[in-house]
Amino acid sequence: MVEKPLLLKETFLRIGENAGLDLQGPHGEALHAYLEGLLPLTKSLEEFDLTGLEPFMPSLTQKE
């Protein structure tokens, strides 16, 4: 059985297009392959119970 990719190439290209990026060509291919390898590593983050925790909101003020 072949596993479905976590990030379809079409989705990757659409996200890049919406962000104003040109992901066609070898650079885009390499970035897509990198993300495909990285995404499975983030699966373990789903195991954390964050119930009741406030989101981290760092200050966005400029430092002088």
PDB file of N, CA and C in Angstrom:
ATOM      1  N   MET A   1       0.828  -1.175   0.000  1.00  0.00           N
ATOM      2  CA  MET A   1       0.000   0.000   0.000  1.00  0.00           C
ATOM      3  C   MET A   1       0.883   1.253   0.000  1.00  0.00           C
ATOM      4  N   VAL A   2       0.586   2.188  -0.876  1.00  0.00           N
ATOM      5  CA  VAL A   2       1.345   3.425  -0.980  1.00  0.00           C
ATOM      6  C   VAL A   2       0.713   4.467  -0.069  1.00  0.00           C
ATOM      7  N   GLU A   3       1.561   5.089   0.761  1.00  0.00           N
ATOM      8  CA  GLU A   3       1.064   6.119   1.674  1.00  0.00           C
ATOM      9  C   GLU A   3       0.804   7.423   0.920  1.00  0.00           C
ATOM     10  N   LYS A   4      -0.253   8.098   1.321  1.00  0.00           N
ATOM     11  CA  LYS A   4      -0.564   9.406   0.751  1.00  0.00           C
ATOM     12  C   LYS A   4       0.430  10.417   1.320  1.00  0.00           C
ATOM     13  N   PRO A   5       1.013  11.256   0.469  1.00  0.00           N
ATOM     14  CA  PRO A   5       1.947  12.260   0.992  1.00  0.00           C
ATOM     15  C   PRO A   5       1.241  13.232   1.930  1.00  0.00           C
ATOM     16  N   LEU A   6       1.966  13.711   2.923  1.00  0.00           N
ATOM     17  CA  LEU A   6       1.390  14.670   3.868  1.00  0.00           C
ATOM     18  C   LEU A   6       1.175  16.038   3.232  1.00  0.00           C
ATOM     19  N   LEU A   7       1.975  16.369   2.245  1.00  0.00           N
ATOM     20  CA  LEU A   7       1.860  17.653   1.563  1.00  0.00           C
ATOM     21  C   LEU A   7       1.862  17.386   0.058  1.00  0.00           C
ATOM     22  N   LEU A   8       0.663  17.391  -0.517  1.00  0.00           N
ATOM     23  CA  LEU A   8       0.561  17.171  -1.953  1.00  0.00           C
ATOM     24  C   LEU A   8       1.293  18.267  -2.710  1.00  0.00           C
ATOM     25  N   LYS A   9       1.904  17.894  -3.819  1.00  0.00           N
ATOM     26  CA  LYS A   9       2.653  18.857  -4.624  1.00  0.00           C
ATOM     27  C   LYS A   9       1.759  20.025  -5.046  1.00  0.00           C
ATOM     28  N   GLU A  10       0.520  19.732  -5.427  1.00  0.00           N
ATOM     29  CA  GLU A  10      -0.403  20.781  -5.852  1.00  0.00           C
ATOM     30  C   GLU A  10      -0.687  21.761  -4.706  1.00  0.00           C
ATOM     31  N   THR A  11      -0.842  21.228  -3.498  1.00  0.00           N
ATOM     32  CA  THR A  11      -1.080  22.071  -2.325  1.00  0.00           C
ATOM     33  C   THR A  11       0.136  22.939  -2.044  1.00  0.00           C
ATOM     34  N   PHE A  12       1.303  22.343  -2.111  1.00  0.00           N
ATOM     35  CA  PHE A  12       2.555  23.061  -1.905  1.00  0.00           C
ATOM     36  C   PHE A  12       2.687  24.224  -2.885  1.00  0.00           C
ATOM     37  N   LEU A  13       2.406  23.958  -4.156  1.00  0.00           N
ATOM     38  CA  LEU A  13       2.506  25.001  -5.167  1.00  0.00           C
ATOM     39  C   LEU A  13       1.460  26.089  -4.956  1.00  0.00           C
ATOM     40  N   ARG A  14       0.264  25.723  -4.535  1.00  0.00           N
ATOM     41  CA  ARG A  14      -0.792  26.705  -4.304  1.00  0.00           C
ATOM     42  C   ARG A  14      -0.431  27.604  -3.119  1.00  0.00           C
ATOM     43  N   ILE A  15       0.104  27.017  -2.055  1.00  0.00           N
ATOM     44  CA  ILE A  15       0.523  27.810  -0.896  1.00  0.00           C
ATOM     45  C   ILE A  15       1.614  28.798  -1.321  1.00  0.00           C
ATOM     46  N   GLY A  16       2.572  28.316  -2.090  1.00  0.00           N
ATOM     47  CA  GLY A  16       3.635  29.194  -2.573  1.00  0.00           C
ATOM     48  C   GLY A  16       3.107  30.307  -3.450  1.00  0.00           C
ATOM     49  N   GLU A  17       2.164  29.972  -4.315  1.00  0.00           N
ATOM     50  CA  GLU A  17       1.557  30.979  -5.196  1.00  0.00           C
ATOM     51  C   GLU A  17       0.837  32.042  -4.372  1.00  0.00           C
ATOM     52  N   ASN A  18       0.078  31.612  -3.372  1.00  0.00           N
ATOM     53  CA  ASN A  18      -0.641  32.559  -2.524  1.00  0.00           C
ATOM     54  C   ASN A  18       0.302  33.439  -1.711  1.00  0.00           C
ATOM     55  N   ALA A  19       1.494  32.931  -1.435  1.00  0.00           N
ATOM     56  CA  ALA A  19       2.489  33.705  -0.681  1.00  0.00           C
ATOM     57  C   ALA A  19       3.364  34.550  -1.606  1.00  0.00           C
ATOM     58  N   GLY A  20       3.116  34.455  -2.916  1.00  0.00           N
ATOM     59  CA  GLY A  20       3.896  35.236  -3.864  1.00  0.00           C
ATOM     60  C   GLY A  20       5.250  34.639  -4.175  1.00  0.00           C
ATOM     61  N   LEU A  21       5.399  33.317  -3.973  1.00  0.00           N
ATOM     62  CA  LEU A  21       6.672  32.651  -4.222  1.00  0.00           C
ATOM     63  C   LEU A  21       6.635  31.894  -5.538  1.00  0.00           C
ATOM     64  N   ASP A  22       7.760  31.796  -6.206  1.00  0.00           N
ATOM     65  CA  ASP A  22       7.872  30.986  -7.410  1.00  0.00           C
ATOM     66  C   ASP A  22       8.544  29.681  -7.009  1.00  0.00           C
ATOM     67  N   LEU A  23       7.763  28.621  -6.906  1.00  0.00           N
ATOM     68  CA  LEU A  23       8.288  27.329  -6.461  1.00  0.00           C
ATOM     69  C   LEU A  23       8.434  26.340  -7.609  1.00  0.00           C
ATOM     70  N   GLN A  24       8.412  26.836  -8.820  1.00  0.00           N
ATOM     71  CA  GLN A  24       8.646  25.982  -9.984  1.00  0.00           C
ATOM     72  C   GLN A  24      10.155  25.751 -10.116  1.00  0.00           C
ATOM     73  N   GLY A  25      10.541  24.642 -10.668  1.00  0.00           N
ATOM     74  CA  GLY A  25      11.950  24.375 -10.908  1.00  0.00           C
ATOM     75  C   GLY A  25      12.606  23.587  -9.790  1.00  0.00           C
ATOM     76  N   PRO A  26      13.922  23.434  -9.883  1.00  0.00           N
ATOM     77  CA  PRO A  26      14.650  22.576  -8.944  1.00  0.00           C
ATOM     78  C   PRO A  26      14.613  23.067  -7.498  1.00  0.00           C
ATOM     79  N   HIS A  27      14.602  24.386  -7.302  1.00  0.00           N
ATOM     80  CA  HIS A  27      14.550  24.905  -5.931  1.00  0.00           C
ATOM     81  C   HIS A  27      13.239  24.491  -5.257  1.00  0.00           C
ATOM     82  N   GLY A  28      12.141  24.632  -5.974  1.00  0.00           N
ATOM     83  CA  GLY A  28      10.838  24.236  -5.446  1.00  0.00           C
ATOM     84  C   GLY A  28      10.766  22.747  -5.192  1.00  0.00           C
ATOM     85  N   GLU A  29      11.348  21.955  -6.076  1.00  0.00           N
ATOM     86  CA  GLU A  29      11.368  20.495  -5.901  1.00  0.00           C
ATOM     87  C   GLU A  29      12.127  20.122  -4.629  1.00  0.00           C
ATOM     88  N   ALA A  30      13.266  20.767  -4.426  1.00  0.00           N
ATOM     89  CA  ALA A  30      14.080  20.478  -3.244  1.00  0.00           C
ATOM     90  C   ALA A  30      13.356  20.893  -1.967  1.00  0.00           C
ATOM     91  N   LEU A  31      12.697  22.043  -1.990  1.00  0.00           N
ATOM     92  CA  LEU A  31      11.968  22.512  -0.812  1.00  0.00           C
ATOM     93  C   LEU A  31      10.790  21.601  -0.499  1.00  0.00           C
ATOM     94  N   HIS A  32      10.081  21.152  -1.528  1.00  0.00           N
ATOM     95  CA  HIS A  32       8.965  20.236  -1.318  1.00  0.00           C
ATOM     96  C   HIS A  32       9.456  18.927  -0.708  1.00  0.00           C
ATOM     97  N   ALA A  33      10.546  18.387  -1.225  1.00  0.00           N
ATOM     98  CA  ALA A  33      11.114  17.145  -0.692  1.00  0.00           C
ATOM     99  C   ALA A  33      11.541  17.332   0.765  1.00  0.00           C
ATOM    100  N   TYR A  34      12.127  18.475   1.082  1.00  0.00           N
ATOM    101  CA  TYR A  34      12.558  18.760   2.452  1.00  0.00           C
ATOM    102  C   TYR A  34      11.358  18.791   3.396  1.00  0.00           C
ATOM    103  N   LEU A  35      10.296  19.492   2.994  1.00  0.00           N
ATOM    104  CA  LEU A  35       9.097  19.575   3.832  1.00  0.00           C
ATOM    105  C   LEU A  35       8.429  18.212   3.989  1.00  0.00           C
ATOM    106  N   GLU A  36       8.419  17.421   2.933  1.00  0.00           N
ATOM    107  CA  GLU A  36       7.849  16.080   3.013  1.00  0.00           C
ATOM    108  C   GLU A  36       8.598  15.226   4.039  1.00  0.00           C
ATOM    109  N   GLY A  37       9.911  15.434   4.164  1.00  0.00           N
ATOM    110  CA  GLY A  37      10.696  14.707   5.160  1.00  0.00           C
ATOM    111  C   GLY A  37      10.521  15.256   6.560  1.00  0.00           C
ATOM    112  N   LEU A  38      10.221  16.541   6.662  1.00  0.00           N
ATOM    113  CA  LEU A  38      10.089  17.204   7.948  1.00  0.00           C
ATOM    114  C   LEU A  38       8.720  16.974   8.595  1.00  0.00           C
ATOM    115  N   LEU A  39       7.669  16.947   7.810  1.00  0.00           N
ATOM    116  CA  LEU A  39       6.317  16.855   8.347  1.00  0.00           C
ATOM    117  C   LEU A  39       6.069  15.626   9.228  1.00  0.00           C
ATOM    118  N   PRO A  40       6.567  14.440   8.884  1.00  0.00           N
ATOM    119  CA  PRO A  40       6.333  13.302   9.779  1.00  0.00           C
ATOM    120  C   PRO A  40       6.919  13.498  11.177  1.00  0.00           C
ATOM    121  N   LEU A  41       7.965  14.286  11.277  1.00  0.00           N
ATOM    122  CA  LEU A  41       8.597  14.536  12.577  1.00  0.00           C
ATOM    123  C   LEU A  41       7.702  15.378  13.483  1.00  0.00           C
ATOM    124  N   THR A  42       6.777  16.129  12.905  1.00  0.00           N
ATOM    125  CA  THR A  42       5.899  16.974  13.700  1.00  0.00           C
ATOM    126  C   THR A  42       4.698  16.201  14.251  1.00  0.00           C
ATOM    127  N   LYS A  43       4.494  14.963  13.820  1.00  0.00           N
ATOM    128  CA  LYS A  43       3.367  14.162  14.284  1.00  0.00           C
ATOM    129  C   LYS A  43       3.382  13.999  15.793  1.00  0.00           C
ATOM    130  N   SER A  44       4.539  13.900  16.399  1.00  0.00           N
ATOM    131  CA  SER A  44       4.632  13.691  17.839  1.00  0.00           C
ATOM    132  C   SER A  44       4.105  14.899  18.627  1.00  0.00           C
ATOM    133  N   LEU A  45       4.022  16.064  17.991  1.00  0.00           N
ATOM    134  CA  LEU A  45       3.502  17.250  18.679  1.00  0.00           C
ATOM    135  C   LEU A  45       2.029  17.090  19.038  1.00  0.00           C
ATOM    136  N   GLU A  46       1.320  16.219  18.321  1.00  0.00           N
ATOM    137  CA  GLU A  46      -0.095  15.995  18.601  1.00  0.00           C
ATOM    138  C   GLU A  46      -0.308  15.305  19.950  1.00  0.00           C
ATOM    139  N   GLU A  47       0.736  14.716  20.506  1.00  0.00           N
ATOM    140  CA  GLU A  47       0.632  13.985  21.765  1.00  0.00           C
ATOM    141  C   GLU A  47       0.597  14.905  22.988  1.00  0.00           C
ATOM    142  N   PHE A  48       0.985  16.156  22.835  1.00  0.00           N
ATOM    143  CA  PHE A  48       1.010  17.074  23.968  1.00  0.00           C
ATOM    144  C   PHE A  48      -0.398  17.534  24.325  1.00  0.00           C
ATOM    145  N   ASP A  49      -0.717  17.483  25.615  1.00  0.00           N
ATOM    146  CA  ASP A  49      -2.001  17.971  26.091  1.00  0.00           C
ATOM    147  C   ASP A  49      -1.834  19.441  26.482  1.00  0.00           C
ATOM    148  N   LEU A  50      -2.414  20.314  25.692  1.00  0.00           N
ATOM    149  CA  LEU A  50      -2.268  21.751  25.924  1.00  0.00           C
ATOM    150  C   LEU A  50      -3.546  22.369  26.466  1.00  0.00           C
ATOM    151  N   THR A  51      -4.406  21.522  26.983  1.00  0.00           N
ATOM    152  CA  THR A  51      -5.676  21.990  27.530  1.00  0.00           C
ATOM    153  C   THR A  51      -5.434  23.013  28.635  1.00  0.00           C
ATOM    154  N   GLY A  52      -6.086  24.142  28.532  1.00  0.00           N
ATOM    155  CA  GLY A  52      -5.994  25.163  29.569  1.00  0.00           C
ATOM    156  C   GLY A  52      -4.802  26.095  29.453  1.00  0.00           C
ATOM    157  N   LEU A  53      -3.907  25.862  28.504  1.00  0.00           N
ATOM    158  CA  LEU A  53      -2.742  26.729  28.340  1.00  0.00           C
ATOM    159  C   LEU A  53      -3.093  27.905  27.437  1.00  0.00           C
ATOM    160  N   GLU A  54      -2.633  29.070  27.826  1.00  0.00           N
ATOM    161  CA  GLU A  54      -2.829  30.258  27.004  1.00  0.00           C
ATOM    162  C   GLU A  54      -1.791  30.257  25.886  1.00  0.00           C
ATOM    163  N   PRO A  55      -2.145  30.747  24.710  1.00  0.00           N
ATOM    164  CA  PRO A  55      -1.156  30.824  23.628  1.00  0.00           C
ATOM    165  C   PRO A  55      -0.044  31.803  23.981  1.00  0.00           C
ATOM    166  N   PHE A  56       1.155  31.508  23.533  1.00  0.00           N
ATOM    167  CA  PHE A  56       2.296  32.390  23.746  1.00  0.00           C
ATOM    168  C   PHE A  56       2.191  33.552  22.770  1.00  0.00           C
ATOM    169  N   MET A  57       2.123  34.753  23.290  1.00  0.00           N
ATOM    170  CA  MET A  57       1.986  35.943  22.463  1.00  0.00           C
ATOM    171  C   MET A  57       3.119  36.905  22.811  1.00  0.00           C
ATOM    172  N   PRO A  58       4.256  36.786  22.141  1.00  0.00           N
ATOM    173  CA  PRO A  58       5.374  37.680  22.461  1.00  0.00           C
ATOM    174  C   PRO A  58       5.033  39.121  22.094  1.00  0.00           C
ATOM    175  N   SER A  59       5.682  40.027  22.751  1.00  0.00           N
ATOM    176  CA  SER A  59       5.488  41.445  22.467  1.00  0.00           C
ATOM    177  C   SER A  59       6.005  41.768  21.082  1.00  0.00           C
ATOM    178  N   LEU A  60       5.247  42.539  20.341  1.00  0.00           N
ATOM    179  CA  LEU A  60       5.664  42.908  19.001  1.00  0.00           C
ATOM    180  C   LEU A  60       6.163  44.343  18.944  1.00  0.00           C
ATOM    181  N   THR A  61       6.444  44.930  20.094  1.00  0.00           N
ATOM    182  CA  THR A  61       6.937  46.304  20.105  1.00  0.00           C
ATOM    183  C   THR A  61       8.386  46.337  19.664  1.00  0.00           C
ATOM    184  N   GLN A  62       8.779  47.420  19.027  1.00  0.00           N
ATOM    185  CA  GLN A  62      10.155  47.554  18.557  1.00  0.00           C
ATOM    186  C   GLN A  62      11.052  47.949  19.703  1.00  0.00           C
ATOM    187  N   LYS A  63      12.257  47.396  19.686  1.00  0.00           N
ATOM    188  CA  LYS A  63      13.261  47.748  20.691  1.00  0.00           C
ATOM    189  C   LYS A  63      14.040  48.943  20.182  1.00  0.00           C
ATOM    190  N   GLU A  64      14.366  49.826  21.091  1.00  0.00           N
ATOM    191  CA  GLU A  64      15.145  51.007  20.694  1.00  0.00           C
ATOM    192  C   GLU A  64      16.600  50.782  20.907  1.00  0.00           C
TER     193      GLU A  64
END
